[in-house]
Amino acid sequence: MTKLLIYGANGYTGELITRMAVERGLSPVIAGRNAVAVEKIARKHDLEFRVFSLDEKDQLDSALREVTLVIHCAGPFSLTSRQMVEACLRTGTHYTDITGEISVFEAMAALDAKTKEAGIMLMPGVGFDVVPSDCLAVHLKHRLPSATHLSLAFYGMGRISHGTQATMTMNIGRGGAIRKDGKITPVPAAWKSREIDFGEVRKLATTIPWGDVSTAYYSTGIANIEVYSVIPAKNLKMLKLSRHIGWLLATAPAQKYLQKQIPAGGPNDADRAKGETLLWGEVRDANGNHAETRLQCPEGYTTTAIAALNIAEKILAGHLTPGFQTPAQAFGADLVLEIEGAARQDV
């Protein structure tokens, strides 16, 4: 049995992963809670499908027992990952998802012993969150094994999907995070900014609570980690404002209003084909040594779909280690270079 289940296949990224899976010759079982939407996608690609919510334990377990691996695409993962992971533990199913949420990565890391005992791999973050940046972090660690500080940055050119915006909006009042002396440490939203030389362009980037604040520590052992992103001016203004009114933005009425303003869908195929993502990383050690590397990848959602399926194919072929794993920890720093269009340059 080497089947793949894609849950949340009717979401923007889930549908893209499904489409690319079929183009590769895979025949995943697709699932979600929206019967009309899931069936429409299944009929379009001639796939098996299941309809259930994550609260329907019996249906969830039954679907997972039919497969080897799930790619969980239904976020926000802080609200949905627990049910899916618990079901994978019950059924012995390998788990991947496309989260970028620090809290999810930390919760998964805490399950390392349980998943080893169950003989399953637990790998959150198999998309743009966090495959390219995780691979960049491990590459930099190899370049400077004595590194004590890691900084990562990315510049994504293109529109983001409804689901991504929904997760960002949900977390808008929660501030930022870095890793300091091995511990995840809260900092104010948009805590620090610096100019980053991405090679093609120089851009001002600002700290964000990206998944690598969690995962890069497990991948590299580096105790001090900051992640930066280039943020549009209006979004940066909102982040800084959230330092003062975050409590208000987190209330149910404010969230309801903000979530309703988010447009449906995401970038179309033409937009994704034109887009690209630039990454940069730097490591430093206590003696003043440092190393920098740049990485170029396709547009973020394209990178997510390709990376998720590359990893899925490895797991389905039996190339896996039970327990909690990060992508580069399991498959090496060159994993990202398996994506067509990805290129790395040491500075």
Protein backbone atom coordinates (compact mmCIF):
# COMPACT_ATOMS: atom_id res chain seq x y z
CA MET A 1 0.00 0.00 0.00
CA THR A 2 1.68 3.21 -1.17
CA LYS A 3 -1.24 5.55 -1.54
CA LEU A 4 -1.30 9.27 -0.89
CA LEU A 5 -4.15 11.23 0.70
CA ILE A 6 -4.40 14.99 0.10
CA TYR A 7 -6.69 16.53 2.70
CA GLY A 8 -7.98 20.02 1.97
CA ALA A 9 -7.70 19.33 -1.77
CA ASN A 10 -10.35 21.92 -2.56
CA GLY A 11 -8.32 24.80 -1.06
CA TYR A 12 -6.07 26.89 -3.29
CA THR A 13 -2.80 25.11 -2.45
CA GLY A 14 -4.42 21.71 -2.00
CA GLU A 15 -5.94 21.91 -5.48
CA LEU A 16 -2.58 22.94 -6.96
CA ILE A 17 -0.82 20.02 -5.28
CA THR A 18 -3.55 17.68 -6.52
CA ARG A 19 -3.22 18.94 -10.09
CA MET A 20 0.57 18.60 -10.07
CA ALA A 21 0.32 15.14 -8.50
CA VAL A 22 -1.85 13.96 -11.38
CA GLU A 23 0.57 15.51 -13.89
CA ARG A 24 3.31 13.37 -12.29
CA GLY A 25 1.27 10.22 -12.78
CA LEU A 26 0.21 9.89 -9.15
CA SER A 27 -3.36 8.99 -8.25
CA PRO A 28 -3.94 10.45 -4.79
CA VAL A 29 -7.12 10.03 -2.83
CA ILE A 30 -8.43 13.53 -2.18
CA ALA A 31 -10.55 14.65 0.75
CA GLY A 32 -12.08 17.62 2.51
CA ARG A 33 -15.29 18.66 4.20
CA ASN A 34 -16.87 20.50 1.24
CA ALA A 35 -18.63 17.70 -0.67
CA VAL A 36 -19.44 19.71 -3.79
CA ALA A 37 -15.97 21.18 -4.19
CA VAL A 38 -14.09 17.93 -3.44
CA GLU A 39 -16.23 15.87 -5.82
CA LYS A 40 -15.78 18.44 -8.59
CA ILE A 41 -11.99 18.20 -8.35
CA ALA A 42 -12.11 14.40 -8.10
CA ARG A 43 -14.22 14.08 -11.25
CA LYS A 44 -12.00 16.52 -13.13
CA HIS A 45 -8.94 14.34 -12.46
CA ASP A 46 -10.66 10.93 -12.20
CA LEU A 47 -9.62 10.42 -8.58
CA GLU A 48 -11.07 8.67 -5.56
CA PHE A 49 -12.44 11.07 -2.97
CA ARG A 50 -13.71 11.13 0.59
CA VAL A 51 -15.80 13.77 2.34
CA PHE A 52 -15.44 14.31 6.09
CA SER A 53 -14.46 16.93 8.63
CA LEU A 54 -11.58 16.40 11.03
CA ASP A 55 -14.10 16.08 13.85
CA GLU A 56 -15.52 12.93 12.24
CA LYS A 57 -13.05 10.56 13.86
CA ASP A 58 -14.31 7.31 12.36
CA GLN A 59 -14.35 8.62 8.78
CA LEU A 60 -10.93 10.24 9.28
CA ASP A 61 -9.37 7.04 10.61
CA SER A 62 -10.98 4.97 7.87
CA ALA A 63 -9.53 7.22 5.16
CA LEU A 64 -6.06 7.18 6.69
CA ARG A 65 -6.03 3.39 7.01
CA GLU A 66 -6.31 3.23 3.21
CA VAL A 67 -3.11 5.19 2.62
CA THR A 68 0.57 5.40 3.54
CA LEU A 69 0.92 9.17 3.73
CA VAL A 70 -1.18 12.31 4.10
CA ILE A 71 -0.36 15.80 2.83
CA HIS A 72 -2.50 17.94 5.11
CA CYS A 73 -3.43 21.21 3.34
CA ALA A 74 -6.38 22.47 5.40
CA GLY A 75 -5.23 25.35 7.60
CA PRO A 76 -4.94 27.31 9.75
CA PHE A 77 -2.86 24.43 11.06
CA SER A 78 -2.89 25.69 14.63
CA LEU A 79 -6.58 24.74 14.51
CA THR A 80 -6.44 21.59 12.37
CA SER A 81 -3.12 19.79 12.75
CA ARG A 82 -3.77 18.19 16.13
CA GLN A 83 -6.75 16.14 14.94
CA MET A 84 -4.90 14.93 11.85
CA VAL A 85 -1.71 14.02 13.71
CA GLU A 86 -3.62 12.14 16.41
CA ALA A 87 -5.38 10.18 13.69
CA CYS A 88 -2.04 9.40 12.01
CA LEU A 89 -0.74 8.07 15.32
CA ARG A 90 -3.81 5.86 15.67
CA THR A 91 -3.57 4.52 12.11
CA GLY A 92 0.20 4.40 11.54
CA THR A 93 0.09 6.93 8.70
CA HIS A 94 3.01 9.21 7.81
CA TYR A 95 2.18 12.93 8.16
CA THR A 96 3.22 16.01 6.21
CA ASP A 97 1.65 19.46 5.98
CA ILE A 98 2.33 22.91 4.53
CA THR A 99 2.25 24.94 7.73
CA GLY A 100 4.53 27.82 8.61
CA GLU A 101 3.24 28.35 12.15
CA ILE A 102 5.81 28.21 14.94
CA SER A 103 3.31 26.81 17.44
CA VAL A 104 2.56 23.88 15.14
CA PHE A 105 6.23 23.03 14.60
CA GLU A 106 6.87 23.10 18.34
CA ALA A 107 3.83 20.92 19.07
CA MET A 108 5.02 18.43 16.46
CA ALA A 109 8.58 18.38 17.83
CA ALA A 110 7.15 17.48 21.23
CA LEU A 111 5.60 14.37 19.65
CA ASP A 112 8.95 12.98 18.46
CA ALA A 113 9.02 10.07 20.90
CA LYS A 114 5.39 9.11 20.24
CA THR A 115 5.83 9.12 16.49
CA LYS A 116 9.02 7.07 16.71
CA GLU A 117 7.17 4.54 18.81
CA ALA A 118 4.38 4.46 16.22
CA GLY A 119 6.92 4.08 13.40
CA ILE A 120 5.67 7.11 11.47
CA MET A 121 7.39 10.19 10.10
CA LEU A 122 6.05 13.55 11.23
CA MET A 123 7.16 16.34 8.89
CA PRO A 124 5.31 19.64 9.03
CA GLY A 125 6.34 22.43 6.66
CA VAL A 126 6.95 20.61 3.36
CA GLY A 127 6.09 23.65 1.23
CA PHE A 128 7.64 27.08 0.83
CA ASP A 129 7.25 27.07 4.58
CA VAL A 130 9.96 25.84 5.26
CA VAL A 131 11.77 23.80 2.60
CA PRO A 132 13.90 26.52 0.90
CA SER A 133 14.83 28.34 4.09
CA ASP A 134 15.45 25.10 5.99
CA CYS A 135 17.79 23.90 3.24
CA LEU A 136 19.51 27.29 3.26
CA ALA A 137 20.01 27.09 7.03
CA VAL A 138 21.58 23.62 6.85
CA HIS A 139 23.81 24.64 3.95
CA LEU A 140 25.07 27.62 5.96
CA LYS A 141 25.67 25.43 9.00
CA HIS A 142 27.85 23.18 6.83
CA ARG A 143 29.79 26.23 5.67
CA LEU A 144 30.38 27.46 9.24
CA PRO A 145 29.98 24.59 11.71
CA SER A 146 30.86 26.89 14.63
CA ALA A 147 27.91 29.21 13.89
CA THR A 148 26.06 30.63 16.89
CA HIS A 149 23.75 33.07 15.04
CA LEU A 150 21.58 32.54 11.97
CA SER A 151 19.66 35.17 10.01
CA LEU A 152 17.35 34.27 7.13
CA ALA A 153 15.37 36.52 4.79
CA PHE A 154 13.07 36.12 1.81
CA TYR A 155 11.43 38.30 -0.80
CA GLY A 156 8.38 36.78 -2.48
CA MET A 157 7.08 38.50 -5.59
CA GLY A 158 3.44 37.69 -6.20
CA ARG A 159 -0.04 37.49 -4.75
CA ILE A 160 -0.79 35.33 -1.72
CA SER A 161 -3.77 33.00 -1.36
CA HIS A 162 -6.90 33.36 0.75
CA GLY A 163 -5.72 30.68 3.17
CA THR A 164 -2.31 32.29 3.72
CA GLN A 165 -3.91 35.68 4.32
CA ALA A 166 -6.44 34.13 6.70
CA THR A 167 -3.68 32.62 8.84
CA MET A 168 -1.69 35.85 8.83
CA THR A 169 -4.79 37.81 9.83
CA MET A 170 -5.58 35.39 12.64
CA ASN A 171 -2.09 35.92 14.08
CA ILE A 172 -1.87 39.69 13.54
CA GLY A 173 -2.20 40.60 17.21
CA ARG A 174 0.33 38.08 18.50
CA GLY A 175 3.57 39.97 17.87
CA GLY A 176 6.81 38.50 16.59
CA ALA A 177 9.28 35.84 17.68
CA ILE A 178 12.98 35.06 17.47
CA ARG A 179 15.10 32.31 18.98
CA LYS A 180 17.54 33.56 21.61
CA ASP A 181 19.97 31.30 23.45
CA GLY A 182 17.99 28.29 22.29
CA LYS A 183 14.58 29.52 23.43
CA ILE A 184 11.77 30.96 21.33
CA THR A 185 11.42 34.51 22.58
CA PRO A 186 8.49 36.90 21.94
CA VAL A 187 9.38 40.29 20.44
CA PRO A 188 7.17 43.14 19.21
CA ALA A 189 5.70 42.91 15.72
CA ALA A 190 8.14 44.25 13.10
CA TRP A 191 10.77 44.27 15.85
CA LYS A 192 13.86 44.88 13.71
CA SER A 193 14.58 45.85 10.09
CA ARG A 194 17.71 45.59 7.96
CA GLU A 195 18.65 45.99 4.32
CA ILE A 196 19.22 42.66 2.58
CA ASP A 197 21.25 42.14 -0.59
CA PHE A 198 19.30 39.45 -2.44
CA GLY A 199 21.64 39.70 -5.45
CA GLU A 200 19.05 40.86 -7.97
CA VAL A 201 17.81 43.61 -5.64
CA ARG A 202 18.49 45.19 -2.26
CA LYS A 203 15.40 45.47 -0.08
CA LEU A 204 14.50 46.51 3.44
CA ALA A 205 13.27 43.45 5.32
CA THR A 206 11.61 43.14 8.72
CA THR A 207 11.55 40.36 11.31
CA ILE A 208 8.55 38.04 11.21
CA PRO A 209 7.60 34.95 13.25
CA TRP A 210 8.39 32.53 10.40
CA GLY A 211 8.56 28.79 10.91
CA ASP A 212 12.36 28.63 10.81
CA VAL A 213 12.49 30.28 14.24
CA SER A 214 11.40 26.82 15.32
CA THR A 215 12.64 24.40 12.67
CA ALA A 216 16.12 25.78 11.93
CA TYR A 217 17.08 25.05 15.54
CA TYR A 218 16.26 21.36 15.09
CA SER A 219 17.97 21.29 11.70
CA THR A 220 21.19 23.08 12.69
CA GLY A 221 21.43 23.36 16.47
CA ILE A 222 22.07 27.11 16.09
CA ALA A 223 20.72 28.79 19.21
CA ASN A 224 20.06 32.33 17.92
CA ILE A 225 17.76 32.72 14.91
CA GLU A 226 16.02 35.66 13.24
CA VAL A 227 13.87 35.55 10.09
CA TYR A 228 13.15 38.58 7.91
CA SER A 229 10.72 39.27 5.07
CA VAL A 230 10.21 42.13 2.66
CA ILE A 231 6.82 43.54 3.64
CA PRO A 232 4.74 46.05 1.61
CA ALA A 233 4.57 49.47 3.26
CA LYS A 234 0.86 49.28 4.13
CA ASN A 235 1.28 45.84 5.72
CA LEU A 236 4.32 47.00 7.66
CA LYS A 237 2.32 49.95 8.96
CA MET A 238 -0.41 47.56 10.13
CA LEU A 239 2.15 45.34 11.85
CA LYS A 240 3.61 48.26 13.76
CA LEU A 241 0.11 49.46 14.65
CA SER A 242 -0.68 45.99 15.99
CA ARG A 243 1.87 46.55 18.76
CA HIS A 244 -0.63 48.96 20.29
CA ILE A 245 -4.03 47.59 19.22
CA GLY A 246 -3.20 43.91 18.82
CA TRP A 247 -5.65 43.05 21.57
CA LEU A 248 -8.40 44.72 19.55
CA LEU A 249 -7.46 43.06 16.26
CA ALA A 250 -7.55 39.67 17.99
CA THR A 251 -11.14 40.05 19.21
CA ALA A 252 -13.84 37.98 17.53
CA PRO A 253 -15.69 40.96 15.95
CA ALA A 254 -12.46 42.42 14.51
CA GLN A 255 -11.35 39.04 13.20
CA LYS A 256 -14.74 38.43 11.62
CA TYR A 257 -14.54 41.77 9.82
CA LEU A 258 -10.91 41.35 8.72
CA GLN A 259 -11.44 37.79 7.49
CA LYS A 260 -14.37 38.91 5.35
CA GLN A 261 -12.13 41.40 3.55
CA ILE A 262 -9.81 38.66 2.25
CA PRO A 263 -10.35 37.87 -1.45
CA ALA A 264 -10.90 34.27 -2.49
CA GLY A 265 -8.40 32.18 -4.45
CA GLY A 266 -4.79 33.01 -5.17
CA PRO A 267 -2.43 33.72 -8.07
CA ASN A 268 -3.36 32.20 -11.43
CA ASP A 269 -1.03 29.99 -13.46
CA ALA A 270 0.35 32.93 -15.47
CA ASP A 271 1.10 34.88 -12.30
CA ARG A 272 2.85 31.91 -10.74
CA ALA A 273 4.92 31.32 -13.88
CA LYS A 274 6.16 34.93 -13.79
CA GLY A 275 6.87 35.00 -10.07
CA GLU A 276 10.01 34.10 -8.20
CA THR A 277 11.26 34.08 -4.64
CA LEU A 278 14.65 35.28 -3.45
CA LEU A 279 16.19 34.08 -0.18
CA TRP A 280 19.30 35.09 1.73
CA GLY A 281 20.99 33.68 4.79
CA GLU A 282 23.90 34.53 7.05
CA VAL A 283 25.65 32.72 9.87
CA ARG A 284 28.11 34.15 12.39
CA ASP A 285 30.16 32.62 15.18
CA ALA A 286 31.68 33.91 18.42
CA ASN A 287 35.02 34.63 16.74
CA GLY A 288 33.58 37.00 14.14
CA ASN A 289 33.58 34.49 11.26
CA HIS A 290 30.59 34.63 8.96
CA ALA A 291 29.18 33.18 5.74
CA GLU A 292 26.38 34.31 3.42
CA THR A 293 24.40 32.41 0.78
CA ARG A 294 21.63 33.41 -1.62
CA LEU A 295 18.93 31.14 -3.00
CA GLN A 296 16.50 31.68 -5.86
CA CYS A 297 13.31 29.63 -6.19
CA PRO A 298 10.16 29.62 -8.31
CA GLU A 299 7.09 31.49 -7.07
CA GLY A 300 6.05 30.45 -3.55
CA TYR A 301 2.99 28.30 -4.29
CA THR A 302 4.76 26.58 -7.18
CA THR A 303 7.66 25.84 -4.84
CA THR A 304 5.21 24.56 -2.22
CA ALA A 305 3.50 22.11 -4.56
CA ILE A 306 6.72 20.77 -6.08
CA ALA A 307 8.49 20.44 -2.72
CA ALA A 308 5.51 18.73 -1.08
CA LEU A 309 5.28 16.18 -3.89
CA ASN A 310 9.06 15.60 -4.06
CA ILE A 311 9.01 14.79 -0.36
CA ALA A 312 5.85 12.67 -0.69
CA GLU A 313 7.47 10.56 -3.40
CA LYS A 314 10.51 9.95 -1.20
CA ILE A 315 8.34 8.86 1.73
CA LEU A 316 6.15 6.64 -0.45
CA ALA A 317 9.34 4.99 -1.76
CA GLY A 318 10.36 4.19 1.82
CA HIS A 319 13.05 6.86 2.21
CA LEU A 320 12.11 8.06 5.67
CA THR A 321 13.11 8.15 9.31
CA PRO A 322 10.37 7.75 11.95
CA GLY A 323 9.82 10.64 14.31
CA PHE A 324 9.70 14.40 13.97
CA GLN A 325 11.85 15.59 11.07
CA THR A 326 12.47 18.86 9.28
CA PRO A 327 12.83 18.67 5.49
CA ALA A 328 16.57 19.40 5.34
CA GLN A 329 17.24 17.34 8.46
CA ALA A 330 15.76 14.31 6.71
CA PHE A 331 16.77 14.86 3.10
CA GLY A 332 19.73 17.26 3.18
CA ALA A 333 20.52 20.83 2.21
CA ASP A 334 20.35 20.04 -1.52
CA LEU A 335 16.69 18.99 -1.33
CA VAL A 336 15.63 22.43 -2.57
CA LEU A 337 17.90 22.11 -5.63
CA GLU A 338 15.69 19.25 -6.86
CA ILE A 339 13.12 21.93 -7.71
CA GLU A 340 13.50 23.08 -11.31
CA GLY A 341 14.52 26.73 -11.33
CA ALA A 342 16.13 26.69 -7.88
CA ALA A 343 19.70 28.00 -7.73
CA ARG A 344 22.09 28.64 -4.83
CA GLN A 345 25.02 31.03 -4.65
CA ASP A 346 27.58 31.41 -1.89
CA VAL A 347 28.57 35.05 -1.37
